[in-house]
Amino acid sequence: MKSIFTTKIGMTQVINEDGIVTPVTVLKADDNVVVQVKSEDVDGYNAIQVGYLNKKEKNVKKPIKGHFDKAEVSYKRFLKEIRLDEKSELNPGETISVDIFKEGELVDITATSKGKGTQGAIKRWNYGRGPASHGSKSHRVAGARAAGSDPARVFKGRKGSGKMGNERVTVQNLKIVKVNTEDSYILVKGAVPGPKGGLVQVKQATKSL
């Protein structure tokens, strides 16, 4: 499966020759360096371990430093794994660039969504507002949680207030508008989860529209 790790730069728009405006998210892909190759014979499954974004040597702990030194690659901030169907032909030290993708191709985007802290049921689950008149004092509450005497408890999975965001989110079938191999940029149609500067994984779409 084709996959690369990128950094979210922000959103802009692309105007084609017919004047049609397309909103896009700009993803910057620095060097994705292969640190380790895993095979089904040795590890029980096929995968490659990829390092992304350079990190200062003084900030690298000794055990992980030895892991990078063994592969003879520079120290990286992120160390991620990409599962494969077959053993990879890449070797430690080789890089993955944006040219593995083409314009018009569909991809799946995985990132960590923005954390929004503790939110009420209306914002978190799109509950409707309560009555604003007739003496009501409950305008933004979820309402009754459960019956009183039977079952006398709240069922698991009941929607209510709580922590919102900061979750691993995957958006499927986003279209690649442009691939800039010189500056290692990918323009993807539409919005991408997470804040600016966040880590974003771009991978081959598992299912098409």
C-alpha atoms as a PDB file:
ATOM      1  CA  MET A   1       0.000   0.000   0.000  1.00  0.00           C
ATOM      2  CA  LYS A   2       1.332   3.428  -0.951  1.00  0.00           C
ATOM      3  CA  SER A   3       1.666   5.793   1.994  1.00  0.00           C
ATOM      4  CA  ILE A   4       3.607   8.893   3.019  1.00  0.00           C
ATOM      5  CA  PHE A   5       3.698  11.170   6.079  1.00  0.00           C
ATOM      6  CA  THR A   6       3.234  14.907   5.658  1.00  0.00           C
ATOM      7  CA  THR A   7       2.747  18.139   7.596  1.00  0.00           C
ATOM      8  CA  LYS A   8      -0.454  20.163   7.252  1.00  0.00           C
ATOM      9  CA  ILE A   9       0.395  23.690   6.074  1.00  0.00           C
ATOM     10  CA  GLY A  10      -3.124  25.099   5.688  1.00  0.00           C
ATOM     11  CA  MET A  11      -5.851  25.647   3.113  1.00  0.00           C
ATOM     12  CA  THR A  12      -5.951  27.632  -0.115  1.00  0.00           C
ATOM     13  CA  GLN A  13      -7.735  27.414  -3.458  1.00  0.00           C
ATOM     14  CA  VAL A  14      -6.893  26.390  -6.994  1.00  0.00           C
ATOM     15  CA  ILE A  15      -8.528  28.011 -10.045  1.00  0.00           C
ATOM     16  CA  ASN A  16      -8.519  26.006 -13.270  1.00  0.00           C
ATOM     17  CA  GLU A  17      -8.700  27.272 -16.858  1.00  0.00           C
ATOM     18  CA  ASP A  18     -12.522  27.365 -16.777  1.00  0.00           C
ATOM     19  CA  GLY A  19     -12.502  29.590 -13.703  1.00  0.00           C
ATOM     20  CA  ILE A  20     -13.745  26.854 -11.353  1.00  0.00           C
ATOM     21  CA  VAL A  21     -12.460  27.359  -7.804  1.00  0.00           C
ATOM     22  CA  THR A  22     -11.442  24.259  -5.832  1.00  0.00           C
ATOM     23  CA  PRO A  23     -10.627  24.469  -2.087  1.00  0.00           C
ATOM     24  CA  VAL A  24      -7.523  22.444  -1.276  1.00  0.00           C
ATOM     25  CA  THR A  25      -5.371  21.552   1.727  1.00  0.00           C
ATOM     26  CA  VAL A  26      -1.608  21.952   1.317  1.00  0.00           C
ATOM     27  CA  LEU A  27       0.467  19.060   2.693  1.00  0.00           C
ATOM     28  CA  LYS A  28       4.266  19.334   2.880  1.00  0.00           C
ATOM     29  CA  ALA A  29       6.168  16.052   2.720  1.00  0.00           C
ATOM     30  CA  ASP A  30       9.722  16.208   4.039  1.00  0.00           C
ATOM     31  CA  ASP A  31      12.011  13.184   3.737  1.00  0.00           C
ATOM     32  CA  ASN A  32      10.275   9.944   4.704  1.00  0.00           C
ATOM     33  CA  VAL A  33      13.265   7.727   5.495  1.00  0.00           C
ATOM     34  CA  VAL A  34      12.990   3.945   5.802  1.00  0.00           C
ATOM     35  CA  VAL A  35      14.477   2.975   9.187  1.00  0.00           C
ATOM     36  CA  GLN A  36      13.552  -0.712   9.311  1.00  0.00           C
ATOM     37  CA  VAL A  37      12.043  -3.336   7.003  1.00  0.00           C
ATOM     38  CA  LYS A  38       9.911  -6.040   8.605  1.00  0.00           C
ATOM     39  CA  SER A  39       9.136  -9.338   6.882  1.00  0.00           C
ATOM     40  CA  GLU A  40       6.654 -12.101   7.507  1.00  0.00           C
ATOM     41  CA  ASP A  41       9.453 -14.664   7.963  1.00  0.00           C
ATOM     42  CA  VAL A  42      11.128 -12.748  10.797  1.00  0.00           C
ATOM     43  CA  ASP A  43       8.436 -10.527  12.325  1.00  0.00           C
ATOM     44  CA  GLY A  44       5.244 -12.338  11.328  1.00  0.00           C
ATOM     45  CA  TYR A  45       4.033  -9.569   9.006  1.00  0.00           C
ATOM     46  CA  ASN A  46       5.291  -7.304   6.235  1.00  0.00           C
ATOM     47  CA  ALA A  47       5.847  -3.620   6.969  1.00  0.00           C
ATOM     48  CA  ILE A  48       8.297  -0.744   6.792  1.00  0.00           C
ATOM     49  CA  GLN A  49       9.205   1.599   9.619  1.00  0.00           C
ATOM     50  CA  VAL A  50       9.441   5.214   8.466  1.00  0.00           C
ATOM     51  CA  GLY A  51      11.113   8.149  10.207  1.00  0.00           C
ATOM     52  CA  TYR A  52       9.756  11.656   9.606  1.00  0.00           C
ATOM     53  CA  LEU A  53      10.953  15.173  10.526  1.00  0.00           C
ATOM     54  CA  ASN A  54      14.525  15.709  11.747  1.00  0.00           C
ATOM     55  CA  LYS A  55      15.266  15.829  15.455  1.00  0.00           C
ATOM     56  CA  LYS A  56      18.307  17.144  17.345  1.00  0.00           C
ATOM     57  CA  GLU A  57      20.654  14.483  18.676  1.00  0.00           C
ATOM     58  CA  LYS A  58      20.544  15.902  22.217  1.00  0.00           C
ATOM     59  CA  ASN A  59      16.769  15.259  22.325  1.00  0.00           C
ATOM     60  CA  VAL A  60      17.022  11.591  21.294  1.00  0.00           C
ATOM     61  CA  LYS A  61      17.024   8.930  24.016  1.00  0.00           C
ATOM     62  CA  LYS A  62      19.788   6.324  23.902  1.00  0.00           C
ATOM     63  CA  PRO A  63      17.695   3.218  23.020  1.00  0.00           C
ATOM     64  CA  ILE A  64      15.992   4.874  20.048  1.00  0.00           C
ATOM     65  CA  LYS A  65      19.275   6.559  19.087  1.00  0.00           C
ATOM     66  CA  GLY A  66      20.846   3.134  18.623  1.00  0.00           C
ATOM     67  CA  HIS A  67      17.909   2.125  16.449  1.00  0.00           C
ATOM     68  CA  PHE A  68      18.572   5.056  14.087  1.00  0.00           C
ATOM     69  CA  ASP A  69      22.347   4.489  14.162  1.00  0.00           C
ATOM     70  CA  LYS A  70      21.888   0.860  13.128  1.00  0.00           C
ATOM     71  CA  ALA A  71      19.982   1.998  10.024  1.00  0.00           C
ATOM     72  CA  GLU A  72      22.562   4.765   9.437  1.00  0.00           C
ATOM     73  CA  VAL A  73      19.883   7.455   9.112  1.00  0.00           C
ATOM     74  CA  SER A  74      19.433  10.848  10.744  1.00  0.00           C
ATOM     75  CA  TYR A  75      17.393  11.122  13.922  1.00  0.00           C
ATOM     76  CA  LYS A  76      13.672  11.652  13.392  1.00  0.00           C
ATOM     77  CA  ARG A  77      10.858  13.073  15.486  1.00  0.00           C
ATOM     78  CA  PHE A  78       8.248  10.549  14.365  1.00  0.00           C
ATOM     79  CA  LEU A  79       8.732   6.818  13.855  1.00  0.00           C
ATOM     80  CA  LYS A  80       5.718   5.250  12.139  1.00  0.00           C
ATOM     81  CA  GLU A  81       4.925   1.877  10.616  1.00  0.00           C
ATOM     82  CA  ILE A  82       3.260   1.167   7.285  1.00  0.00           C
ATOM     83  CA  ARG A  83       1.742  -2.303   6.803  1.00  0.00           C
ATOM     84  CA  LEU A  84       2.323  -3.994   3.454  1.00  0.00           C
ATOM     85  CA  ASP A  85       0.847  -6.984   1.636  1.00  0.00           C
ATOM     86  CA  GLU A  86       4.259  -8.160   0.439  1.00  0.00           C
ATOM     87  CA  LYS A  87       7.830  -7.690   1.599  1.00  0.00           C
ATOM     88  CA  SER A  88       9.102  -4.228   0.709  1.00  0.00           C
ATOM     89  CA  GLU A  89      11.796  -3.766  -1.918  1.00  0.00           C
ATOM     90  CA  LEU A  90      13.054  -0.667  -0.072  1.00  0.00           C
ATOM     91  CA  ASN A  91      16.107  -0.814   2.158  1.00  0.00           C
ATOM     92  CA  PRO A  92      16.937   1.148   5.334  1.00  0.00           C
ATOM     93  CA  GLY A  93      18.210   4.611   4.420  1.00  0.00           C
ATOM     94  CA  GLU A  94      16.108   4.972   1.271  1.00  0.00           C
ATOM     95  CA  THR A  95      13.464   7.710   1.086  1.00  0.00           C
ATOM     96  CA  ILE A  96       9.819   7.860   0.011  1.00  0.00           C
ATOM     97  CA  SER A  97       8.804  10.945  -1.995  1.00  0.00           C
ATOM     98  CA  VAL A  98       5.511  12.440  -3.143  1.00  0.00           C
ATOM     99  CA  ASP A  99       5.950  11.086  -6.674  1.00  0.00           C
ATOM    100  CA  ILE A 100       4.371   7.797  -5.569  1.00  0.00           C
ATOM    101  CA  PHE A 101       1.033   9.629  -6.002  1.00  0.00           C
ATOM    102  CA  LYS A 102      -0.441  11.165  -9.143  1.00  0.00           C
ATOM    103  CA  GLU A 103      -2.910  13.970  -9.806  1.00  0.00           C
ATOM    104  CA  GLY A 104      -6.516  12.785  -9.805  1.00  0.00           C
ATOM    105  CA  GLU A 105      -5.774   9.819  -7.551  1.00  0.00           C
ATOM    106  CA  LEU A 106      -8.036   9.094  -4.561  1.00  0.00           C
ATOM    107  CA  VAL A 107      -6.390   8.855  -1.152  1.00  0.00           C
ATOM    108  CA  ASP A 108      -7.323   8.320   2.489  1.00  0.00           C
ATOM    109  CA  ILE A 109      -6.155  10.943   4.998  1.00  0.00           C
ATOM    110  CA  THR A 110      -5.432  10.037   8.633  1.00  0.00           C
ATOM    111  CA  ALA A 111      -4.646  12.632  11.308  1.00  0.00           C
ATOM    112  CA  THR A 112      -5.453  13.660  14.884  1.00  0.00           C
ATOM    113  CA  SER A 113      -8.394  16.031  15.043  1.00  0.00           C
ATOM    114  CA  LYS A 114      -8.297  19.330  16.925  1.00  0.00           C
ATOM    115  CA  GLY A 115      -8.943  18.991  20.660  1.00  0.00           C
ATOM    116  CA  LYS A 116     -11.893  21.072  21.838  1.00  0.00           C
ATOM    117  CA  GLY A 117     -11.869  20.196  25.539  1.00  0.00           C
ATOM    118  CA  THR A 118     -15.030  19.417  27.501  1.00  0.00           C
ATOM    119  CA  GLN A 119     -18.166  20.341  25.563  1.00  0.00           C
ATOM    120  CA  GLY A 120     -21.896  20.046  26.151  1.00  0.00           C
ATOM    121  CA  ALA A 121     -24.275  17.711  24.357  1.00  0.00           C
ATOM    122  CA  ILE A 122     -25.457  20.356  21.871  1.00  0.00           C
ATOM    123  CA  LYS A 123     -21.975  21.079  20.489  1.00  0.00           C
ATOM    124  CA  ARG A 124     -20.676  17.514  20.865  1.00  0.00           C
ATOM    125  CA  TRP A 125     -23.631  15.576  19.443  1.00  0.00           C
ATOM    126  CA  ASN A 126     -25.668  18.252  17.637  1.00  0.00           C
ATOM    127  CA  TYR A 127     -28.586  17.961  20.032  1.00  0.00           C
ATOM    128  CA  GLY A 128     -31.376  20.485  19.509  1.00  0.00           C
ATOM    129  CA  ARG A 129     -31.870  23.349  21.921  1.00  0.00           C
ATOM    130  CA  GLY A 130     -34.528  23.157  24.615  1.00  0.00           C
ATOM    131  CA  PRO A 131     -37.553  25.483  24.792  1.00  0.00           C
ATOM    132  CA  ALA A 132     -36.689  29.148  25.248  1.00  0.00           C
ATOM    133  CA  SER A 133     -39.975  30.162  26.876  1.00  0.00           C
ATOM    134  CA  HIS A 134     -42.846  28.865  29.063  1.00  0.00           C
ATOM    135  CA  GLY A 135     -40.690  29.031  32.176  1.00  0.00           C
ATOM    136  CA  SER A 136     -38.107  26.536  30.970  1.00  0.00           C
ATOM    137  CA  LYS A 137     -34.681  26.775  32.585  1.00  0.00           C
ATOM    138  CA  SER A 138     -33.100  24.014  30.490  1.00  0.00           C
ATOM    139  CA  HIS A 139     -31.939  25.353  27.130  1.00  0.00           C
ATOM    140  CA  ARG A 140     -28.689  23.515  26.444  1.00  0.00           C
ATOM    141  CA  VAL A 141     -28.985  20.247  28.368  1.00  0.00           C
ATOM    142  CA  ALA A 142     -29.297  16.722  26.992  1.00  0.00           C
ATOM    143  CA  GLY A 143     -32.551  15.927  28.776  1.00  0.00           C
ATOM    144  CA  ALA A 144     -33.469  12.766  30.677  1.00  0.00           C
ATOM    145  CA  ARG A 145     -30.653  10.237  31.034  1.00  0.00           C
ATOM    146  CA  ALA A 146     -32.681   7.129  31.924  1.00  0.00           C
ATOM    147  CA  ALA A 147     -35.867   5.849  33.537  1.00  0.00           C
ATOM    148  CA  GLY A 148     -36.104   6.121  37.327  1.00  0.00           C
ATOM    149  CA  SER A 149     -37.020   2.843  38.987  1.00  0.00           C
ATOM    150  CA  ASP A 150     -36.439   0.559  36.009  1.00  0.00           C
ATOM    151  CA  PRO A 151     -33.702   0.107  34.872  1.00  0.00           C
ATOM    152  CA  ALA A 152     -32.508   2.665  37.452  1.00  0.00           C
ATOM    153  CA  ARG A 153     -29.246   3.206  35.610  1.00  0.00           C
ATOM    154  CA  VAL A 154     -27.845   4.888  32.521  1.00  0.00           C
ATOM    155  CA  PHE A 155     -27.145   2.565  29.595  1.00  0.00           C
ATOM    156  CA  LYS A 156     -23.611   2.398  28.232  1.00  0.00           C
ATOM    157  CA  GLY A 157     -23.008   4.501  25.124  1.00  0.00           C
ATOM    158  CA  ARG A 158     -25.504   7.179  26.105  1.00  0.00           C
ATOM    159  CA  LYS A 159     -24.528  10.453  24.435  1.00  0.00           C
ATOM    160  CA  GLY A 160     -23.806  13.384  26.711  1.00  0.00           C
ATOM    161  CA  SER A 161     -21.264  16.037  27.568  1.00  0.00           C
ATOM    162  CA  GLY A 162     -17.567  15.197  27.732  1.00  0.00           C
ATOM    163  CA  LYS A 163     -14.197  15.480  26.037  1.00  0.00           C
ATOM    164  CA  MET A 164     -14.450  16.366  22.347  1.00  0.00           C
ATOM    165  CA  GLY A 165     -11.859  16.069  19.602  1.00  0.00           C
ATOM    166  CA  ASN A 166      -8.198  14.973  19.850  1.00  0.00           C
ATOM    167  CA  GLU A 167      -9.039  11.666  18.170  1.00  0.00           C
ATOM    168  CA  ARG A 168      -7.484   9.725  15.321  1.00  0.00           C
ATOM    169  CA  VAL A 169      -9.676  10.469  12.297  1.00  0.00           C
ATOM    170  CA  THR A 170      -9.603   9.054   8.755  1.00  0.00           C
ATOM    171  CA  VAL A 171     -11.268  10.837   5.824  1.00  0.00           C
ATOM    172  CA  GLN A 172     -11.671   8.577   2.811  1.00  0.00           C
ATOM    173  CA  ASN A 173     -11.585   9.179  -0.942  1.00  0.00           C
ATOM    174  CA  LEU A 174     -10.137  12.680  -1.112  1.00  0.00           C
ATOM    175  CA  LYS A 175      -8.884  13.645  -4.553  1.00  0.00           C
ATOM    176  CA  ILE A 176      -5.321  14.779  -5.199  1.00  0.00           C
ATOM    177  CA  VAL A 177      -5.485  18.043  -7.162  1.00  0.00           C
ATOM    178  CA  LYS A 178      -1.756  18.563  -7.659  1.00  0.00           C
ATOM    179  CA  VAL A 179       1.593  16.940  -6.822  1.00  0.00           C
ATOM    180  CA  ASN A 180       4.660  19.194  -6.656  1.00  0.00           C
ATOM    181  CA  THR A 181       7.725  16.947  -6.734  1.00  0.00           C
ATOM    182  CA  GLU A 182      10.227  19.825  -6.681  1.00  0.00           C
ATOM    183  CA  ASP A 183       9.048  21.266  -3.359  1.00  0.00           C
ATOM    184  CA  SER A 184       7.450  18.043  -2.044  1.00  0.00           C
ATOM    185  CA  TYR A 185       3.895  19.360  -1.794  1.00  0.00           C
ATOM    186  CA  ILE A 186       0.574  17.567  -2.212  1.00  0.00           C
ATOM    187  CA  LEU A 187      -2.663  19.513  -2.750  1.00  0.00           C
ATOM    188  CA  VAL A 188      -5.723  17.566  -1.630  1.00  0.00           C
ATOM    189  CA  LYS A 189      -9.283  18.624  -2.405  1.00  0.00           C
ATOM    190  CA  GLY A 190     -11.296  19.584   0.660  1.00  0.00           C
ATOM    191  CA  ALA A 191     -10.506  19.781   4.371  1.00  0.00           C
ATOM    192  CA  VAL A 192      -8.114  17.581   6.327  1.00  0.00           C
ATOM    193  CA  PRO A 193      -8.391  16.819  10.078  1.00  0.00           C
ATOM    194  CA  GLY A 194      -6.063  18.440  12.577  1.00  0.00           C
ATOM    195  CA  PRO A 195      -4.385  21.816  13.159  1.00  0.00           C
ATOM    196  CA  LYS A 196      -1.746  23.541  11.046  1.00  0.00           C
ATOM    197  CA  GLY A 197       1.600  21.866  11.582  1.00  0.00           C
ATOM    198  CA  GLY A 198      -0.033  18.561  12.500  1.00  0.00           C
ATOM    199  CA  LEU A 199       1.154  15.156  11.301  1.00  0.00           C
ATOM    200  CA  VAL A 200      -0.943  13.803   8.414  1.00  0.00           C
ATOM    201  CA  GLN A 201      -0.691  10.390   6.773  1.00  0.00           C
ATOM    202  CA  VAL A 202      -1.634  10.162   3.099  1.00  0.00           C
ATOM    203  CA  LYS A 203      -2.286   6.634   1.892  1.00  0.00           C
ATOM    204  CA  GLN A 204      -3.771   4.824  -1.056  1.00  0.00           C
ATOM    205  CA  ALA A 205      -7.580   4.698  -0.904  1.00  0.00           C
ATOM    206  CA  THR A 206      -8.841   1.364   0.401  1.00  0.00           C
ATOM    207  CA  LYS A 207     -12.149   1.743  -1.398  1.00  0.00           C
ATOM    208  CA  SER A 208     -13.277   3.935  -4.272  1.00  0.00           C
ATOM    209  CA  LEU A 209     -16.507   5.861  -4.721  1.00  0.00           C
END
